[in-house]
PDBML (XML) file of the C-alpha atoms, coordinates in Angstrom:
<?xml version="1.0" encoding="UTF-8" ?>
<PDBx:datablock datablockName="MODEL"
   xmlns:PDBx="http://pdbml.pdb.org/schema/pdbx-v50.xsd"
   xmlns:xsi="http://www.w3.org/2001/XMLSchema-instance"
   xsi:schemaLocation="http://pdbml.pdb.org/schema/pdbx-v50.xsd pdbx-v50.xsd">
   <PDBx:atom_siteCategory>
      <PDBx:atom_site id="1">
         <PDBx:B_iso_or_equiv>0.00</PDBx:B_iso_or_equiv>
         <PDBx:Cartn_x>-34.358</PDBx:Cartn_x>
         <PDBx:Cartn_y>-48.491</PDBx:Cartn_y>
         <PDBx:Cartn_z>-34.668</PDBx:Cartn_z>
         <PDBx:auth_asym_id>A</PDBx:auth_asym_id>
         <PDBx:auth_atom_id>CA</PDBx:auth_atom_id>
         <PDBx:auth_comp_id>SER</PDBx:auth_comp_id>
         <PDBx:auth_seq_id>1</PDBx:auth_seq_id>
         <PDBx:group_PDB>ATOM</PDBx:group_PDB>
         <PDBx:label_alt_id xsi:nil="true" />
         <PDBx:label_asym_id>A</PDBx:label_asym_id>
         <PDBx:label_atom_id>CA</PDBx:label_atom_id>
         <PDBx:label_comp_id>SER</PDBx:label_comp_id>
         <PDBx:label_entity_id>1</PDBx:label_entity_id>
         <PDBx:label_seq_id>1</PDBx:label_seq_id>
         <PDBx:occupancy>1.00</PDBx:occupancy>
         <PDBx:pdbx_PDB_model_num>1</PDBx:pdbx_PDB_model_num>
         <PDBx:type_symbol>C</PDBx:type_symbol>
      </PDBx:atom_site>
      <PDBx:atom_site id="2">
         <PDBx:B_iso_or_equiv>0.00</PDBx:B_iso_or_equiv>
         <PDBx:Cartn_x>-36.657</PDBx:Cartn_x>
         <PDBx:Cartn_y>-51.068</PDBx:Cartn_y>
         <PDBx:Cartn_z>-32.401</PDBx:Cartn_z>
         <PDBx:auth_asym_id>A</PDBx:auth_asym_id>
         <PDBx:auth_atom_id>CA</PDBx:auth_atom_id>
         <PDBx:auth_comp_id>LYS</PDBx:auth_comp_id>
         <PDBx:auth_seq_id>2</PDBx:auth_seq_id>
         <PDBx:group_PDB>ATOM</PDBx:group_PDB>
         <PDBx:label_alt_id xsi:nil="true" />
         <PDBx:label_asym_id>A</PDBx:label_asym_id>
         <PDBx:label_atom_id>CA</PDBx:label_atom_id>
         <PDBx:label_comp_id>LYS</PDBx:label_comp_id>
         <PDBx:label_entity_id>1</PDBx:label_entity_id>
         <PDBx:label_seq_id>2</PDBx:label_seq_id>
         <PDBx:occupancy>1.00</PDBx:occupancy>
         <PDBx:pdbx_PDB_model_num>1</PDBx:pdbx_PDB_model_num>
         <PDBx:type_symbol>C</PDBx:type_symbol>
      </PDBx:atom_site>
      <PDBx:atom_site id="3">
         <PDBx:B_iso_or_equiv>0.00</PDBx:B_iso_or_equiv>
         <PDBx:Cartn_x>-35.923</PDBx:Cartn_x>
         <PDBx:Cartn_y>-53.751</PDBx:Cartn_y>
         <PDBx:Cartn_z>-34.709</PDBx:Cartn_z>
         <PDBx:auth_asym_id>A</PDBx:auth_asym_id>
         <PDBx:auth_atom_id>CA</PDBx:auth_atom_id>
         <PDBx:auth_comp_id>ARG</PDBx:auth_comp_id>
         <PDBx:auth_seq_id>3</PDBx:auth_seq_id>
         <PDBx:group_PDB>ATOM</PDBx:group_PDB>
         <PDBx:label_alt_id xsi:nil="true" />
         <PDBx:label_asym_id>A</PDBx:label_asym_id>
         <PDBx:label_atom_id>CA</PDBx:label_atom_id>
         <PDBx:label_comp_id>ARG</PDBx:label_comp_id>
         <PDBx:label_entity_id>1</PDBx:label_entity_id>
         <PDBx:label_seq_id>3</PDBx:label_seq_id>
         <PDBx:occupancy>1.00</PDBx:occupancy>
         <PDBx:pdbx_PDB_model_num>1</PDBx:pdbx_PDB_model_num>
         <PDBx:type_symbol>C</PDBx:type_symbol>
      </PDBx:atom_site>
      <PDBx:atom_site id="4">
         <PDBx:B_iso_or_equiv>0.00</PDBx:B_iso_or_equiv>
         <PDBx:Cartn_x>-32.392</PDBx:Cartn_x>
         <PDBx:Cartn_y>-53.231</PDBx:Cartn_y>
         <PDBx:Cartn_z>-34.291</PDBx:Cartn_z>
         <PDBx:auth_asym_id>A</PDBx:auth_asym_id>
         <PDBx:auth_atom_id>CA</PDBx:auth_atom_id>
         <PDBx:auth_comp_id>LEU</PDBx:auth_comp_id>
         <PDBx:auth_seq_id>4</PDBx:auth_seq_id>
         <PDBx:group_PDB>ATOM</PDBx:group_PDB>
         <PDBx:label_alt_id xsi:nil="true" />
         <PDBx:label_asym_id>A</PDBx:label_asym_id>
         <PDBx:label_atom_id>CA</PDBx:label_atom_id>
         <PDBx:label_comp_id>LEU</PDBx:label_comp_id>
         <PDBx:label_entity_id>1</PDBx:label_entity_id>
         <PDBx:label_seq_id>4</PDBx:label_seq_id>
         <PDBx:occupancy>1.00</PDBx:occupancy>
         <PDBx:pdbx_PDB_model_num>1</PDBx:pdbx_PDB_model_num>
         <PDBx:type_symbol>C</PDBx:type_symbol>
      </PDBx:atom_site>
      <PDBx:atom_site id="5">
         <PDBx:B_iso_or_equiv>0.00</PDBx:B_iso_or_equiv>
         <PDBx:Cartn_x>-32.248</PDBx:Cartn_x>
         <PDBx:Cartn_y>-53.410</PDBx:Cartn_y>
         <PDBx:Cartn_z>-30.579</PDBx:Cartn_z>
         <PDBx:auth_asym_id>A</PDBx:auth_asym_id>
         <PDBx:auth_atom_id>CA</PDBx:auth_atom_id>
         <PDBx:auth_comp_id>VAL</PDBx:auth_comp_id>
         <PDBx:auth_seq_id>5</PDBx:auth_seq_id>
         <PDBx:group_PDB>ATOM</PDBx:group_PDB>
         <PDBx:label_alt_id xsi:nil="true" />
         <PDBx:label_asym_id>A</PDBx:label_asym_id>
         <PDBx:label_atom_id>CA</PDBx:label_atom_id>
         <PDBx:label_comp_id>VAL</PDBx:label_comp_id>
         <PDBx:label_entity_id>1</PDBx:label_entity_id>
         <PDBx:label_seq_id>5</PDBx:label_seq_id>
         <PDBx:occupancy>1.00</PDBx:occupancy>
         <PDBx:pdbx_PDB_model_num>1</PDBx:pdbx_PDB_model_num>
         <PDBx:type_symbol>C</PDBx:type_symbol>
      </PDBx:atom_site>
      <PDBx:atom_site id="6">
         <PDBx:B_iso_or_equiv>0.00</PDBx:B_iso_or_equiv>
         <PDBx:Cartn_x>-33.847</PDBx:Cartn_x>
         <PDBx:Cartn_y>-56.708</PDBx:Cartn_y>
         <PDBx:Cartn_z>-30.591</PDBx:Cartn_z>
         <PDBx:auth_asym_id>A</PDBx:auth_asym_id>
         <PDBx:auth_atom_id>CA</PDBx:auth_atom_id>
         <PDBx:auth_comp_id>HIS</PDBx:auth_comp_id>
         <PDBx:auth_seq_id>6</PDBx:auth_seq_id>
         <PDBx:group_PDB>ATOM</PDBx:group_PDB>
         <PDBx:label_alt_id xsi:nil="true" />
         <PDBx:label_asym_id>A</PDBx:label_asym_id>
         <PDBx:label_atom_id>CA</PDBx:label_atom_id>
         <PDBx:label_comp_id>HIS</PDBx:label_comp_id>
         <PDBx:label_entity_id>1</PDBx:label_entity_id>
         <PDBx:label_seq_id>6</PDBx:label_seq_id>
         <PDBx:occupancy>1.00</PDBx:occupancy>
         <PDBx:pdbx_PDB_model_num>1</PDBx:pdbx_PDB_model_num>
         <PDBx:type_symbol>C</PDBx:type_symbol>
      </PDBx:atom_site>
      <PDBx:atom_site id="7">
         <PDBx:B_iso_or_equiv>0.00</PDBx:B_iso_or_equiv>
         <PDBx:Cartn_x>-31.211</PDBx:Cartn_x>
         <PDBx:Cartn_y>-57.836</PDBx:Cartn_y>
         <PDBx:Cartn_z>-33.173</PDBx:Cartn_z>
         <PDBx:auth_asym_id>A</PDBx:auth_asym_id>
         <PDBx:auth_atom_id>CA</PDBx:auth_atom_id>
         <PDBx:auth_comp_id>LYS</PDBx:auth_comp_id>
         <PDBx:auth_seq_id>7</PDBx:auth_seq_id>
         <PDBx:group_PDB>ATOM</PDBx:group_PDB>
         <PDBx:label_alt_id xsi:nil="true" />
         <PDBx:label_asym_id>A</PDBx:label_asym_id>
         <PDBx:label_atom_id>CA</PDBx:label_atom_id>
         <PDBx:label_comp_id>LYS</PDBx:label_comp_id>
         <PDBx:label_entity_id>1</PDBx:label_entity_id>
         <PDBx:label_seq_id>7</PDBx:label_seq_id>
         <PDBx:occupancy>1.00</PDBx:occupancy>
         <PDBx:pdbx_PDB_model_num>1</PDBx:pdbx_PDB_model_num>
         <PDBx:type_symbol>C</PDBx:type_symbol>
      </PDBx:atom_site>
      <PDBx:atom_site id="8">
         <PDBx:B_iso_or_equiv>0.00</PDBx:B_iso_or_equiv>
         <PDBx:Cartn_x>-28.783</PDBx:Cartn_x>
         <PDBx:Cartn_y>-56.844</PDBx:Cartn_y>
         <PDBx:Cartn_z>-30.602</PDBx:Cartn_z>
         <PDBx:auth_asym_id>A</PDBx:auth_asym_id>
         <PDBx:auth_atom_id>CA</PDBx:auth_atom_id>
         <PDBx:auth_comp_id>TRP</PDBx:auth_comp_id>
         <PDBx:auth_seq_id>8</PDBx:auth_seq_id>
         <PDBx:group_PDB>ATOM</PDBx:group_PDB>
         <PDBx:label_alt_id xsi:nil="true" />
         <PDBx:label_asym_id>A</PDBx:label_asym_id>
         <PDBx:label_atom_id>CA</PDBx:label_atom_id>
         <PDBx:label_comp_id>TRP</PDBx:label_comp_id>
         <PDBx:label_entity_id>1</PDBx:label_entity_id>
         <PDBx:label_seq_id>8</PDBx:label_seq_id>
         <PDBx:occupancy>1.00</PDBx:occupancy>
         <PDBx:pdbx_PDB_model_num>1</PDBx:pdbx_PDB_model_num>
         <PDBx:type_symbol>C</PDBx:type_symbol>
      </PDBx:atom_site>
      <PDBx:atom_site id="9">
         <PDBx:B_iso_or_equiv>0.00</PDBx:B_iso_or_equiv>
         <PDBx:Cartn_x>-30.400</PDBx:Cartn_x>
         <PDBx:Cartn_y>-58.560</PDBx:Cartn_y>
         <PDBx:Cartn_z>-27.801</PDBx:Cartn_z>
         <PDBx:auth_asym_id>A</PDBx:auth_asym_id>
         <PDBx:auth_atom_id>CA</PDBx:auth_atom_id>
         <PDBx:auth_comp_id>ARG</PDBx:auth_comp_id>
         <PDBx:auth_seq_id>9</PDBx:auth_seq_id>
         <PDBx:group_PDB>ATOM</PDBx:group_PDB>
         <PDBx:label_alt_id xsi:nil="true" />
         <PDBx:label_asym_id>A</PDBx:label_asym_id>
         <PDBx:label_atom_id>CA</PDBx:label_atom_id>
         <PDBx:label_comp_id>ARG</PDBx:label_comp_id>
         <PDBx:label_entity_id>1</PDBx:label_entity_id>
         <PDBx:label_seq_id>9</PDBx:label_seq_id>
         <PDBx:occupancy>1.00</PDBx:occupancy>
         <PDBx:pdbx_PDB_model_num>1</PDBx:pdbx_PDB_model_num>
         <PDBx:type_symbol>C</PDBx:type_symbol>
      </PDBx:atom_site>
      <PDBx:atom_site id="10">
         <PDBx:B_iso_or_equiv>0.00</PDBx:B_iso_or_equiv>
         <PDBx:Cartn_x>-29.896</PDBx:Cartn_x>
         <PDBx:Cartn_y>-61.819</PDBx:Cartn_y>
         <PDBx:Cartn_z>-29.840</PDBx:Cartn_z>
         <PDBx:auth_asym_id>A</PDBx:auth_asym_id>
         <PDBx:auth_atom_id>CA</PDBx:auth_atom_id>
         <PDBx:auth_comp_id>GLY</PDBx:auth_comp_id>
         <PDBx:auth_seq_id>10</PDBx:auth_seq_id>
         <PDBx:group_PDB>ATOM</PDBx:group_PDB>
         <PDBx:label_alt_id xsi:nil="true" />
         <PDBx:label_asym_id>A</PDBx:label_asym_id>
         <PDBx:label_atom_id>CA</PDBx:label_atom_id>
         <PDBx:label_comp_id>GLY</PDBx:label_comp_id>
         <PDBx:label_entity_id>1</PDBx:label_entity_id>
         <PDBx:label_seq_id>10</PDBx:label_seq_id>
         <PDBx:occupancy>1.00</PDBx:occupancy>
         <PDBx:pdbx_PDB_model_num>1</PDBx:pdbx_PDB_model_num>
         <PDBx:type_symbol>C</PDBx:type_symbol>
      </PDBx:atom_site>
      <PDBx:atom_site id="11">
         <PDBx:B_iso_or_equiv>0.00</PDBx:B_iso_or_equiv>
         <PDBx:Cartn_x>-26.096</PDBx:Cartn_x>
         <PDBx:Cartn_y>-60.983</PDBx:Cartn_y>
         <PDBx:Cartn_z>-29.633</PDBx:Cartn_z>
         <PDBx:auth_asym_id>A</PDBx:auth_asym_id>
         <PDBx:auth_atom_id>CA</PDBx:auth_atom_id>
         <PDBx:auth_comp_id>GLU</PDBx:auth_comp_id>
         <PDBx:auth_seq_id>11</PDBx:auth_seq_id>
         <PDBx:group_PDB>ATOM</PDBx:group_PDB>
         <PDBx:label_alt_id xsi:nil="true" />
         <PDBx:label_asym_id>A</PDBx:label_asym_id>
         <PDBx:label_atom_id>CA</PDBx:label_atom_id>
         <PDBx:label_comp_id>GLU</PDBx:label_comp_id>
         <PDBx:label_entity_id>1</PDBx:label_entity_id>
         <PDBx:label_seq_id>11</PDBx:label_seq_id>
         <PDBx:occupancy>1.00</PDBx:occupancy>
         <PDBx:pdbx_PDB_model_num>1</PDBx:pdbx_PDB_model_num>
         <PDBx:type_symbol>C</PDBx:type_symbol>
      </PDBx:atom_site>
      <PDBx:atom_site id="12">
         <PDBx:B_iso_or_equiv>0.00</PDBx:B_iso_or_equiv>
         <PDBx:Cartn_x>-25.458</PDBx:Cartn_x>
         <PDBx:Cartn_y>-60.437</PDBx:Cartn_y>
         <PDBx:Cartn_z>-26.160</PDBx:Cartn_z>
         <PDBx:auth_asym_id>A</PDBx:auth_asym_id>
         <PDBx:auth_atom_id>CA</PDBx:auth_atom_id>
         <PDBx:auth_comp_id>ILE</PDBx:auth_comp_id>
         <PDBx:auth_seq_id>12</PDBx:auth_seq_id>
         <PDBx:group_PDB>ATOM</PDBx:group_PDB>
         <PDBx:label_alt_id xsi:nil="true" />
         <PDBx:label_asym_id>A</PDBx:label_asym_id>
         <PDBx:label_atom_id>CA</PDBx:label_atom_id>
         <PDBx:label_comp_id>ILE</PDBx:label_comp_id>
         <PDBx:label_entity_id>1</PDBx:label_entity_id>
         <PDBx:label_seq_id>12</PDBx:label_seq_id>
         <PDBx:occupancy>1.00</PDBx:occupancy>
         <PDBx:pdbx_PDB_model_num>1</PDBx:pdbx_PDB_model_num>
         <PDBx:type_symbol>C</PDBx:type_symbol>
      </PDBx:atom_site>
      <PDBx:atom_site id="13">
         <PDBx:B_iso_or_equiv>0.00</PDBx:B_iso_or_equiv>
         <PDBx:Cartn_x>-25.762</PDBx:Cartn_x>
         <PDBx:Cartn_y>-62.701</PDBx:Cartn_y>
         <PDBx:Cartn_z>-23.037</PDBx:Cartn_z>
         <PDBx:auth_asym_id>A</PDBx:auth_asym_id>
         <PDBx:auth_atom_id>CA</PDBx:auth_atom_id>
         <PDBx:auth_comp_id>ASP</PDBx:auth_comp_id>
         <PDBx:auth_seq_id>13</PDBx:auth_seq_id>
         <PDBx:group_PDB>ATOM</PDBx:group_PDB>
         <PDBx:label_alt_id xsi:nil="true" />
         <PDBx:label_asym_id>A</PDBx:label_asym_id>
         <PDBx:label_atom_id>CA</PDBx:label_atom_id>
         <PDBx:label_comp_id>ASP</PDBx:label_comp_id>
         <PDBx:label_entity_id>1</PDBx:label_entity_id>
         <PDBx:label_seq_id>13</PDBx:label_seq_id>
         <PDBx:occupancy>1.00</PDBx:occupancy>
         <PDBx:pdbx_PDB_model_num>1</PDBx:pdbx_PDB_model_num>
         <PDBx:type_symbol>C</PDBx:type_symbol>
      </PDBx:atom_site>
      <PDBx:atom_site id="14">
         <PDBx:B_iso_or_equiv>0.00</PDBx:B_iso_or_equiv>
         <PDBx:Cartn_x>-27.480</PDBx:Cartn_x>
         <PDBx:Cartn_y>-60.971</PDBx:Cartn_y>
         <PDBx:Cartn_z>-20.500</PDBx:Cartn_z>
         <PDBx:auth_asym_id>A</PDBx:auth_asym_id>
         <PDBx:auth_atom_id>CA</PDBx:auth_atom_id>
         <PDBx:auth_comp_id>ALA</PDBx:auth_comp_id>
         <PDBx:auth_seq_id>14</PDBx:auth_seq_id>
         <PDBx:group_PDB>ATOM</PDBx:group_PDB>
         <PDBx:label_alt_id xsi:nil="true" />
         <PDBx:label_asym_id>A</PDBx:label_asym_id>
         <PDBx:label_atom_id>CA</PDBx:label_atom_id>
         <PDBx:label_comp_id>ALA</PDBx:label_comp_id>
         <PDBx:label_entity_id>1</PDBx:label_entity_id>
         <PDBx:label_seq_id>14</PDBx:label_seq_id>
         <PDBx:occupancy>1.00</PDBx:occupancy>
         <PDBx:pdbx_PDB_model_num>1</PDBx:pdbx_PDB_model_num>
         <PDBx:type_symbol>C</PDBx:type_symbol>
      </PDBx:atom_site>
      <PDBx:atom_site id="15">
         <PDBx:B_iso_or_equiv>0.00</PDBx:B_iso_or_equiv>
         <PDBx:Cartn_x>-29.428</PDBx:Cartn_x>
         <PDBx:Cartn_y>-57.457</PDBx:Cartn_y>
         <PDBx:Cartn_z>-20.269</PDBx:Cartn_z>
         <PDBx:auth_asym_id>A</PDBx:auth_asym_id>
         <PDBx:auth_atom_id>CA</PDBx:auth_atom_id>
         <PDBx:auth_comp_id>ILE</PDBx:auth_comp_id>
         <PDBx:auth_seq_id>15</PDBx:auth_seq_id>
         <PDBx:group_PDB>ATOM</PDBx:group_PDB>
         <PDBx:label_alt_id xsi:nil="true" />
         <PDBx:label_asym_id>A</PDBx:label_asym_id>
         <PDBx:label_atom_id>CA</PDBx:label_atom_id>
         <PDBx:label_comp_id>ILE</PDBx:label_comp_id>
         <PDBx:label_entity_id>1</PDBx:label_entity_id>
         <PDBx:label_seq_id>15</PDBx:label_seq_id>
         <PDBx:occupancy>1.00</PDBx:occupancy>
         <PDBx:pdbx_PDB_model_num>1</PDBx:pdbx_PDB_model_num>
         <PDBx:type_symbol>C</PDBx:type_symbol>
      </PDBx:atom_site>
      <PDBx:atom_site id="16">
         <PDBx:B_iso_or_equiv>0.00</PDBx:B_iso_or_equiv>
         <PDBx:Cartn_x>-30.065</PDBx:Cartn_x>
         <PDBx:Cartn_y>-55.423</PDBx:Cartn_y>
         <PDBx:Cartn_z>-17.176</PDBx:Cartn_z>
         <PDBx:auth_asym_id>A</PDBx:auth_asym_id>
         <PDBx:auth_atom_id>CA</PDBx:auth_atom_id>
         <PDBx:auth_comp_id>LEU</PDBx:auth_comp_id>
         <PDBx:auth_seq_id>16</PDBx:auth_seq_id>
         <PDBx:group_PDB>ATOM</PDBx:group_PDB>
         <PDBx:label_alt_id xsi:nil="true" />
         <PDBx:label_asym_id>A</PDBx:label_asym_id>
         <PDBx:label_atom_id>CA</PDBx:label_atom_id>
         <PDBx:label_comp_id>LEU</PDBx:label_comp_id>
         <PDBx:label_entity_id>1</PDBx:label_entity_id>
         <PDBx:label_seq_id>16</PDBx:label_seq_id>
         <PDBx:occupancy>1.00</PDBx:occupancy>
         <PDBx:pdbx_PDB_model_num>1</PDBx:pdbx_PDB_model_num>
         <PDBx:type_symbol>C</PDBx:type_symbol>
      </PDBx:atom_site>
      <PDBx:atom_site id="17">
         <PDBx:B_iso_or_equiv>0.00</PDBx:B_iso_or_equiv>
         <PDBx:Cartn_x>-32.633</PDBx:Cartn_x>
         <PDBx:Cartn_y>-52.631</PDBx:Cartn_y>
         <PDBx:Cartn_z>-16.219</PDBx:Cartn_z>
         <PDBx:auth_asym_id>A</PDBx:auth_asym_id>
         <PDBx:auth_atom_id>CA</PDBx:auth_atom_id>
         <PDBx:auth_comp_id>VAL</PDBx:auth_comp_id>
         <PDBx:auth_seq_id>17</PDBx:auth_seq_id>
         <PDBx:group_PDB>ATOM</PDBx:group_PDB>
         <PDBx:label_alt_id xsi:nil="true" />
         <PDBx:label_asym_id>A</PDBx:label_asym_id>
         <PDBx:label_atom_id>CA</PDBx:label_atom_id>
         <PDBx:label_comp_id>VAL</PDBx:label_comp_id>
         <PDBx:label_entity_id>1</PDBx:label_entity_id>
         <PDBx:label_seq_id>17</PDBx:label_seq_id>
         <PDBx:occupancy>1.00</PDBx:occupancy>
         <PDBx:pdbx_PDB_model_num>1</PDBx:pdbx_PDB_model_num>
         <PDBx:type_symbol>C</PDBx:type_symbol>
      </PDBx:atom_site>
      <PDBx:atom_site id="18">
         <PDBx:B_iso_or_equiv>0.00</PDBx:B_iso_or_equiv>
         <PDBx:Cartn_x>-32.980</PDBx:Cartn_x>
         <PDBx:Cartn_y>-50.789</PDBx:Cartn_y>
         <PDBx:Cartn_z>-12.831</PDBx:Cartn_z>
         <PDBx:auth_asym_id>A</PDBx:auth_asym_id>
         <PDBx:auth_atom_id>CA</PDBx:auth_atom_id>
         <PDBx:auth_comp_id>GLY</PDBx:auth_comp_id>
         <PDBx:auth_seq_id>18</PDBx:auth_seq_id>
         <PDBx:group_PDB>ATOM</PDBx:group_PDB>
         <PDBx:label_alt_id xsi:nil="true" />
         <PDBx:label_asym_id>A</PDBx:label_asym_id>
         <PDBx:label_atom_id>CA</PDBx:label_atom_id>
         <PDBx:label_comp_id>GLY</PDBx:label_comp_id>
         <PDBx:label_entity_id>1</PDBx:label_entity_id>
         <PDBx:label_seq_id>18</PDBx:label_seq_id>
         <PDBx:occupancy>1.00</PDBx:occupancy>
         <PDBx:pdbx_PDB_model_num>1</PDBx:pdbx_PDB_model_num>
         <PDBx:type_symbol>C</PDBx:type_symbol>
      </PDBx:atom_site>
      <PDBx:atom_site id="19">
         <PDBx:B_iso_or_equiv>0.00</PDBx:B_iso_or_equiv>
         <PDBx:Cartn_x>-35.836</PDBx:Cartn_x>
         <PDBx:Cartn_y>-51.058</PDBx:Cartn_y>
         <PDBx:Cartn_z>-10.770</PDBx:Cartn_z>
         <PDBx:auth_asym_id>A</PDBx:auth_asym_id>
         <PDBx:auth_atom_id>CA</PDBx:auth_atom_id>
         <PDBx:auth_comp_id>THR</PDBx:auth_comp_id>
         <PDBx:auth_seq_id>19</PDBx:auth_seq_id>
         <PDBx:group_PDB>ATOM</PDBx:group_PDB>
         <PDBx:label_alt_id xsi:nil="true" />
         <PDBx:label_asym_id>A</PDBx:label_asym_id>
         <PDBx:label_atom_id>CA</PDBx:label_atom_id>
         <PDBx:label_comp_id>THR</PDBx:label_comp_id>
         <PDBx:label_entity_id>1</PDBx:label_entity_id>
         <PDBx:label_seq_id>19</PDBx:label_seq_id>
         <PDBx:occupancy>1.00</PDBx:occupancy>
         <PDBx:pdbx_PDB_model_num>1</PDBx:pdbx_PDB_model_num>
         <PDBx:type_symbol>C</PDBx:type_symbol>
      </PDBx:atom_site>
      <PDBx:atom_site id="20">
         <PDBx:B_iso_or_equiv>0.00</PDBx:B_iso_or_equiv>
         <PDBx:Cartn_x>-37.448</PDBx:Cartn_x>
         <PDBx:Cartn_y>-47.515</PDBx:Cartn_y>
         <PDBx:Cartn_z>-12.101</PDBx:Cartn_z>
         <PDBx:auth_asym_id>A</PDBx:auth_asym_id>
         <PDBx:auth_atom_id>CA</PDBx:auth_atom_id>
         <PDBx:auth_comp_id>GLN</PDBx:auth_comp_id>
         <PDBx:auth_seq_id>20</PDBx:auth_seq_id>
         <PDBx:group_PDB>ATOM</PDBx:group_PDB>
         <PDBx:label_alt_id xsi:nil="true" />
         <PDBx:label_asym_id>A</PDBx:label_asym_id>
         <PDBx:label_atom_id>CA</PDBx:label_atom_id>
         <PDBx:label_comp_id>GLN</PDBx:label_comp_id>
         <PDBx:label_entity_id>1</PDBx:label_entity_id>
         <PDBx:label_seq_id>20</PDBx:label_seq_id>
         <PDBx:occupancy>1.00</PDBx:occupancy>
         <PDBx:pdbx_PDB_model_num>1</PDBx:pdbx_PDB_model_num>
         <PDBx:type_symbol>C</PDBx:type_symbol>
      </PDBx:atom_site>
      <PDBx:atom_site id="21">
         <PDBx:B_iso_or_equiv>0.00</PDBx:B_iso_or_equiv>
         <PDBx:Cartn_x>-37.379</PDBx:Cartn_x>
         <PDBx:Cartn_y>-48.922</PDBx:Cartn_y>
         <PDBx:Cartn_z>-15.651</PDBx:Cartn_z>
         <PDBx:auth_asym_id>A</PDBx:auth_asym_id>
         <PDBx:auth_atom_id>CA</PDBx:auth_atom_id>
         <PDBx:auth_comp_id>THR</PDBx:auth_comp_id>
         <PDBx:auth_seq_id>21</PDBx:auth_seq_id>
         <PDBx:group_PDB>ATOM</PDBx:group_PDB>
         <PDBx:label_alt_id xsi:nil="true" />
         <PDBx:label_asym_id>A</PDBx:label_asym_id>
         <PDBx:label_atom_id>CA</PDBx:label_atom_id>
         <PDBx:label_comp_id>THR</PDBx:label_comp_id>
         <PDBx:label_entity_id>1</PDBx:label_entity_id>
         <PDBx:label_seq_id>21</PDBx:label_seq_id>
         <PDBx:occupancy>1.00</PDBx:occupancy>
         <PDBx:pdbx_PDB_model_num>1</PDBx:pdbx_PDB_model_num>
         <PDBx:type_symbol>C</PDBx:type_symbol>
      </PDBx:atom_site>
      <PDBx:atom_site id="22">
         <PDBx:B_iso_or_equiv>0.00</PDBx:B_iso_or_equiv>
         <PDBx:Cartn_x>-38.977</PDBx:Cartn_x>
         <PDBx:Cartn_y>-52.217</PDBx:Cartn_y>
         <PDBx:Cartn_z>-14.725</PDBx:Cartn_z>
         <PDBx:auth_asym_id>A</PDBx:auth_asym_id>
         <PDBx:auth_atom_id>CA</PDBx:auth_atom_id>
         <PDBx:auth_comp_id>ALA</PDBx:auth_comp_id>
         <PDBx:auth_seq_id>22</PDBx:auth_seq_id>
         <PDBx:group_PDB>ATOM</PDBx:group_PDB>
         <PDBx:label_alt_id xsi:nil="true" />
         <PDBx:label_asym_id>A</PDBx:label_asym_id>
         <PDBx:label_atom_id>CA</PDBx:label_atom_id>
         <PDBx:label_comp_id>ALA</PDBx:label_comp_id>
         <PDBx:label_entity_id>1</PDBx:label_entity_id>
         <PDBx:label_seq_id>22</PDBx:label_seq_id>
         <PDBx:occupancy>1.00</PDBx:occupancy>
         <PDBx:pdbx_PDB_model_num>1</PDBx:pdbx_PDB_model_num>
         <PDBx:type_symbol>C</PDBx:type_symbol>
      </PDBx:atom_site>
      <PDBx:atom_site id="23">
         <PDBx:B_iso_or_equiv>0.00</PDBx:B_iso_or_equiv>
         <PDBx:Cartn_x>-41.967</PDBx:Cartn_x>
         <PDBx:Cartn_y>-50.242</PDBx:Cartn_y>
         <PDBx:Cartn_z>-13.017</PDBx:Cartn_z>
         <PDBx:auth_asym_id>A</PDBx:auth_asym_id>
         <PDBx:auth_atom_id>CA</PDBx:auth_atom_id>
         <PDBx:auth_comp_id>LEU</PDBx:auth_comp_id>
         <PDBx:auth_seq_id>23</PDBx:auth_seq_id>
         <PDBx:group_PDB>ATOM</PDBx:group_PDB>
         <PDBx:label_alt_id xsi:nil="true" />
         <PDBx:label_asym_id>A</PDBx:label_asym_id>
         <PDBx:label_atom_id>CA</PDBx:label_atom_id>
         <PDBx:label_comp_id>LEU</PDBx:label_comp_id>
         <PDBx:label_entity_id>1</PDBx:label_entity_id>
         <PDBx:label_seq_id>23</PDBx:label_seq_id>
         <PDBx:occupancy>1.00</PDBx:occupancy>
         <PDBx:pdbx_PDB_model_num>1</PDBx:pdbx_PDB_model_num>
         <PDBx:type_symbol>C</PDBx:type_symbol>
      </PDBx:atom_site>
      <PDBx:atom_site id="24">
         <PDBx:B_iso_or_equiv>0.00</PDBx:B_iso_or_equiv>
         <PDBx:Cartn_x>-42.478</PDBx:Cartn_x>
         <PDBx:Cartn_y>-47.617</PDBx:Cartn_y>
         <PDBx:Cartn_z>-15.440</PDBx:Cartn_z>
         <PDBx:auth_asym_id>A</PDBx:auth_asym_id>
         <PDBx:auth_atom_id>CA</PDBx:auth_atom_id>
         <PDBx:auth_comp_id>ILE</PDBx:auth_comp_id>
         <PDBx:auth_seq_id>24</PDBx:auth_seq_id>
         <PDBx:group_PDB>ATOM</PDBx:group_PDB>
         <PDBx:label_alt_id xsi:nil="true" />
         <PDBx:label_asym_id>A</PDBx:label_asym_id>
         <PDBx:label_atom_id>CA</PDBx:label_atom_id>
         <PDBx:label_comp_id>ILE</PDBx:label_comp_id>
         <PDBx:label_entity_id>1</PDBx:label_entity_id>
         <PDBx:label_seq_id>24</PDBx:label_seq_id>
         <PDBx:occupancy>1.00</PDBx:occupancy>
         <PDBx:pdbx_PDB_model_num>1</PDBx:pdbx_PDB_model_num>
         <PDBx:type_symbol>C</PDBx:type_symbol>
      </PDBx:atom_site>
   </PDBx:atom_siteCategory>
</PDBx:datablock>
């Protein structure tokens, strides 16, 4: 599943996270 998510990252333009996710 992790590899699939990385495949998706190569197919989109931007990826967003919030403050807590970035910290933790």
